[in-house]
């Protein structure tokens, strides 16, 4: 399995941003990343300089503030990576049931972007609990979390 370093991830998103701005052709995964980059203009300055992006230390996590704004220390690369992960998970329905759960949440919120942000909370919780307990991620708990968000106001 390919496990890119944080520098690889940052250079990938910076390269996608540069290609998008230049109107250059992109691979399918780059097109998807570009869509999420476009949803986050507040990250464009971070994406404009790959060397600075690789060197920068972000203290914050991946999630937006409760009011939907993004904190100054939020890690844009982690945030965009989570958008990309959720998109890929949904496209292949892995773990099984995530596609339907995200679609239900999207319909409930009437906004894919907002649904992704709520799904990130579940994904982040699942990964944190997995690491804390030293066990494999619990896909069923992840999906149940997204489903709960989709069935409440």
C-alpha atoms as a PDB file:
ATOM      1  CA  UNK A   1       0.000   0.000   0.000  1.00  0.00           C
ATOM      2  CA  UNK A   2       1.242   3.460  -0.871  1.00  0.00           C
ATOM      3  CA  UNK A   3       1.812   5.610   2.227  1.00  0.00           C
ATOM      4  CA  UNK A   4       2.881   9.106   1.211  1.00  0.00           C
ATOM      5  CA  UNK A   5       4.789  11.300   3.635  1.00  0.00           C
ATOM      6  CA  UNK A   6       3.298  14.573   4.802  1.00  0.00           C
ATOM      7  CA  UNK A   7       5.655  16.312   2.349  1.00  0.00           C
ATOM      8  CA  UNK A   8       4.339  14.147  -0.518  1.00  0.00           C
ATOM      9  CA  UNK A   9       0.749  15.019   0.377  1.00  0.00           C
ATOM     10  CA  UNK A  10       1.501  18.718   0.587  1.00  0.00           C
ATOM     11  CA  UNK A  11       3.395  18.717  -2.712  1.00  0.00           C
ATOM     12  CA  UNK A  12       0.519  16.824  -4.364  1.00  0.00           C
ATOM     13  CA  UNK A  13      -2.082  19.409  -3.335  1.00  0.00           C
ATOM     14  CA  UNK A  14       0.221  22.308  -4.226  1.00  0.00           C
ATOM     15  CA  UNK A  15       0.879  20.774  -7.655  1.00  0.00           C
ATOM     16  CA  UNK A  16      -2.847  20.294  -8.243  1.00  0.00           C
ATOM     17  CA  UNK A  17      -3.482  23.916  -7.307  1.00  0.00           C
ATOM     18  CA  UNK A  18      -0.733  25.062  -9.695  1.00  0.00           C
ATOM     19  CA  UNK A  19      -2.111  22.894 -12.516  1.00  0.00           C
ATOM     20  CA  UNK A  20      -5.607  24.205 -11.921  1.00  0.00           C
ATOM     21  CA  UNK A  21      -4.464  27.823 -12.017  1.00  0.00           C
ATOM     22  CA  UNK A  22      -2.478  27.175 -15.202  1.00  0.00           C
ATOM     23  CA  UNK A  23      -5.337  25.312 -16.885  1.00  0.00           C
ATOM     24  CA  UNK A  24      -3.181  22.216 -17.335  1.00  0.00           C
ATOM     25  CA  UNK A  25      -4.659  18.750 -17.831  1.00  0.00           C
ATOM     26  CA  UNK A  26      -5.085  16.654 -14.694  1.00  0.00           C
ATOM     27  CA  UNK A  27      -5.489  13.010 -13.775  1.00  0.00           C
ATOM     28  CA  UNK A  28      -8.860  11.979 -12.308  1.00  0.00           C
ATOM     29  CA  UNK A  29      -7.615  12.107  -8.699  1.00  0.00           C
ATOM     30  CA  UNK A  30      -6.151  15.552  -9.343  1.00  0.00           C
ATOM     31  CA  UNK A  31      -9.477  16.758 -10.761  1.00  0.00           C
ATOM     32  CA  UNK A  32     -11.239  15.557  -7.632  1.00  0.00           C
ATOM     33  CA  UNK A  33      -8.644  17.228  -5.401  1.00  0.00           C
ATOM     34  CA  UNK A  34      -9.019  20.420  -7.428  1.00  0.00           C
ATOM     35  CA  UNK A  35     -12.769  20.457  -6.799  1.00  0.00           C
ATOM     36  CA  UNK A  36     -12.165  20.367  -3.047  1.00  0.00           C
ATOM     37  CA  UNK A  37      -9.414  22.981  -3.307  1.00  0.00           C
ATOM     38  CA  UNK A  38     -11.877  25.250  -5.119  1.00  0.00           C
ATOM     39  CA  UNK A  39     -14.306  24.805  -2.222  1.00  0.00           C
ATOM     40  CA  UNK A  40     -11.633  26.187   0.116  1.00  0.00           C
ATOM     41  CA  UNK A  41     -10.294  29.510  -1.188  1.00  0.00           C
ATOM     42  CA  UNK A  42      -9.000  30.212   2.320  1.00  0.00           C
ATOM     43  CA  UNK A  43      -6.304  27.585   1.634  1.00  0.00           C
ATOM     44  CA  UNK A  44      -5.086  28.995  -1.676  1.00  0.00           C
ATOM     45  CA  UNK A  45      -2.265  31.002  -0.090  1.00  0.00           C
ATOM     46  CA  UNK A  46      -1.015  27.834   1.654  1.00  0.00           C
ATOM     47  CA  UNK A  47      -1.146  25.948  -1.647  1.00  0.00           C
ATOM     48  CA  UNK A  48       0.661  28.583  -3.695  1.00  0.00           C
ATOM     49  CA  UNK A  49       4.145  27.818  -2.310  1.00  0.00           C
ATOM     50  CA  UNK A  50       5.023  24.130  -2.042  1.00  0.00           C
ATOM     51  CA  UNK A  51       8.337  24.673  -0.245  1.00  0.00           C
ATOM     52  CA  UNK A  52       6.708  26.861   2.414  1.00  0.00           C
ATOM     53  CA  UNK A  53       3.858  24.343   2.725  1.00  0.00           C
ATOM     54  CA  UNK A  54       6.271  21.485   3.374  1.00  0.00           C
ATOM     55  CA  UNK A  55       8.145  23.517   5.984  1.00  0.00           C
ATOM     56  CA  UNK A  56       5.126  24.889   7.852  1.00  0.00           C
ATOM     57  CA  UNK A  57       3.976  23.317  11.119  1.00  0.00           C
ATOM     58  CA  UNK A  58       0.236  23.336  11.692  1.00  0.00           C
ATOM     59  CA  UNK A  59      -0.932  23.004  15.273  1.00  0.00           C
ATOM     60  CA  UNK A  60      -4.586  22.575  14.395  1.00  0.00           C
ATOM     61  CA  UNK A  61      -6.496  19.601  13.136  1.00  0.00           C
ATOM     62  CA  UNK A  62      -8.791  18.971  10.218  1.00  0.00           C
ATOM     63  CA  UNK A  63     -12.191  20.212  11.336  1.00  0.00           C
ATOM     64  CA  UNK A  64     -13.992  23.489  10.931  1.00  0.00           C
ATOM     65  CA  UNK A  65     -15.131  25.479  13.939  1.00  0.00           C
ATOM     66  CA  UNK A  66     -18.744  24.937  15.082  1.00  0.00           C
ATOM     67  CA  UNK A  67     -19.778  28.095  13.183  1.00  0.00           C
ATOM     68  CA  UNK A  68     -18.324  26.638   9.962  1.00  0.00           C
ATOM     69  CA  UNK A  69     -15.241  28.862   9.870  1.00  0.00           C
ATOM     70  CA  UNK A  70     -11.723  27.510   9.695  1.00  0.00           C
ATOM     71  CA  UNK A  71      -9.217  28.326  12.398  1.00  0.00           C
ATOM     72  CA  UNK A  72      -5.928  29.933  11.438  1.00  0.00           C
ATOM     73  CA  UNK A  73      -3.946  26.915  12.595  1.00  0.00           C
ATOM     74  CA  UNK A  74      -6.119  24.319  10.876  1.00  0.00           C
ATOM     75  CA  UNK A  75      -4.090  22.012   8.677  1.00  0.00           C
ATOM     76  CA  UNK A  76      -5.404  22.564   5.131  1.00  0.00           C
ATOM     77  CA  UNK A  77      -3.619  19.477   3.826  1.00  0.00           C
ATOM     78  CA  UNK A  78      -5.179  17.193   6.405  1.00  0.00           C
ATOM     79  CA  UNK A  79      -8.565  18.768   5.759  1.00  0.00           C
ATOM     80  CA  UNK A  80      -8.285  18.364   1.969  1.00  0.00           C
ATOM     81  CA  UNK A  81      -6.961  14.812   2.407  1.00  0.00           C
ATOM     82  CA  UNK A  82     -10.033  13.930   4.434  1.00  0.00           C
ATOM     83  CA  UNK A  83     -12.315  15.367   1.726  1.00  0.00           C
ATOM     84  CA  UNK A  84     -10.435  13.261  -0.817  1.00  0.00           C
ATOM     85  CA  UNK A  85     -10.626  10.146   1.377  1.00  0.00           C
ATOM     86  CA  UNK A  86     -14.364  10.502   1.925  1.00  0.00           C
ATOM     87  CA  UNK A  87     -14.896  11.035  -1.807  1.00  0.00           C
ATOM     88  CA  UNK A  88     -12.885   7.921  -2.634  1.00  0.00           C
ATOM     89  CA  UNK A  89     -14.565   5.854   0.087  1.00  0.00           C
ATOM     90  CA  UNK A  90     -17.968   6.890  -1.250  1.00  0.00           C
ATOM     91  CA  UNK A  91     -17.038   6.157  -4.865  1.00  0.00           C
ATOM     92  CA  UNK A  92     -16.083   2.554  -4.072  1.00  0.00           C
ATOM     93  CA  UNK A  93     -18.451   2.140  -1.096  1.00  0.00           C
ATOM     94  CA  UNK A  94     -15.661   1.107   1.233  1.00  0.00           C
ATOM     95  CA  UNK A  95     -16.331   0.526   4.033  1.00  0.00           C
ATOM     96  CA  UNK A  96     -19.562  -0.953   2.732  1.00  0.00           C
ATOM     97  CA  UNK A  97     -22.438   1.405   3.466  1.00  0.00           C
ATOM     98  CA  UNK A  98     -20.450   4.659   3.525  1.00  0.00           C
ATOM     99  CA  UNK A  99     -21.783   5.759   0.130  1.00  0.00           C
ATOM    100  CA  UNK A 100     -25.395   5.502   1.272  1.00  0.00           C
ATOM    101  CA  UNK A 101     -24.649   7.150   4.626  1.00  0.00           C
ATOM    102  CA  UNK A 102     -22.884  10.129   2.989  1.00  0.00           C
ATOM    103  CA  UNK A 103     -25.642  10.429   0.369  1.00  0.00           C
ATOM    104  CA  UNK A 104     -28.277  10.438   3.123  1.00  0.00           C
ATOM    105  CA  UNK A 105     -26.364  13.068   5.084  1.00  0.00           C
ATOM    106  CA  UNK A 106     -25.892  15.151   1.916  1.00  0.00           C
ATOM    107  CA  UNK A 107     -29.622  15.006   1.172  1.00  0.00           C
ATOM    108  CA  UNK A 108     -30.433  15.920   4.766  1.00  0.00           C
ATOM    109  CA  UNK A 109     -28.048  18.904   4.777  1.00  0.00           C
ATOM    110  CA  UNK A 110     -28.672  19.763   1.111  1.00  0.00           C
ATOM    111  CA  UNK A 111     -24.946  20.327   0.768  1.00  0.00           C
ATOM    112  CA  UNK A 112     -22.205  17.815  -0.066  1.00  0.00           C
ATOM    113  CA  UNK A 113     -19.518  20.044   1.417  1.00  0.00           C
ATOM    114  CA  UNK A 114     -21.322  20.353   4.752  1.00  0.00           C
ATOM    115  CA  UNK A 115     -21.978  16.618   4.738  1.00  0.00           C
ATOM    116  CA  UNK A 116     -18.273  15.958   4.212  1.00  0.00           C
ATOM    117  CA  UNK A 117     -17.393  18.178   7.162  1.00  0.00           C
ATOM    118  CA  UNK A 118     -19.749  16.223   9.402  1.00  0.00           C
ATOM    119  CA  UNK A 119     -18.420  12.937   8.034  1.00  0.00           C
ATOM    120  CA  UNK A 120     -14.893  14.121   8.879  1.00  0.00           C
ATOM    121  CA  UNK A 121     -15.881  14.217  12.532  1.00  0.00           C
ATOM    122  CA  UNK A 122     -16.845  10.551  12.330  1.00  0.00           C
ATOM    123  CA  UNK A 123     -13.771   9.570  10.335  1.00  0.00           C
ATOM    124  CA  UNK A 124     -11.475  11.438  12.716  1.00  0.00           C
ATOM    125  CA  UNK A 125     -13.125   9.837  15.744  1.00  0.00           C
ATOM    126  CA  UNK A 126     -12.820   6.370  14.224  1.00  0.00           C
ATOM    127  CA  UNK A 127      -9.124   6.864  13.468  1.00  0.00           C
ATOM    128  CA  UNK A 128      -8.390   8.373  16.885  1.00  0.00           C
ATOM    129  CA  UNK A 129     -10.144   5.501  18.691  1.00  0.00           C
ATOM    130  CA  UNK A 130      -8.337   2.956  16.540  1.00  0.00           C
ATOM    131  CA  UNK A 131      -4.941   4.456  17.306  1.00  0.00           C
ATOM    132  CA  UNK A 132      -5.720   4.891  21.002  1.00  0.00           C
ATOM    133  CA  UNK A 133      -6.854   1.275  21.358  1.00  0.00           C
ATOM    134  CA  UNK A 134      -4.198  -0.187  19.044  1.00  0.00           C
ATOM    135  CA  UNK A 135      -6.751  -1.955  16.871  1.00  0.00           C
ATOM    136  CA  UNK A 136      -8.039  -1.799  13.311  1.00  0.00           C
ATOM    137  CA  UNK A 137     -10.433   1.014  12.419  1.00  0.00           C
ATOM    138  CA  UNK A 138     -14.086   0.161  13.070  1.00  0.00           C
ATOM    139  CA  UNK A 139     -15.856   0.817   9.769  1.00  0.00           C
ATOM    140  CA  UNK A 140     -19.248  -0.119  11.212  1.00  0.00           C
ATOM    141  CA  UNK A 141     -18.922   2.490  13.970  1.00  0.00           C
ATOM    142  CA  UNK A 142     -17.849   5.065  11.370  1.00  0.00           C
ATOM    143  CA  UNK A 143     -20.886   4.417   9.198  1.00  0.00           C
ATOM    144  CA  UNK A 144     -23.212   4.386  12.223  1.00  0.00           C
ATOM    145  CA  UNK A 145     -21.851   7.784  13.235  1.00  0.00           C
ATOM    146  CA  UNK A 146     -22.542   9.253   9.773  1.00  0.00           C
ATOM    147  CA  UNK A 147     -26.001   7.687   9.766  1.00  0.00           C
ATOM    148  CA  UNK A 148     -26.774   9.248  13.183  1.00  0.00           C
ATOM    149  CA  UNK A 149     -25.760  12.663  11.844  1.00  0.00           C
ATOM    150  CA  UNK A 150     -27.999  12.094   8.817  1.00  0.00           C
ATOM    151  CA  UNK A 151     -31.033  11.315  10.943  1.00  0.00           C
ATOM    152  CA  UNK A 152     -30.825  14.254  13.342  1.00  0.00           C
ATOM    153  CA  UNK A 153     -31.336  17.952  12.757  1.00  0.00           C
END
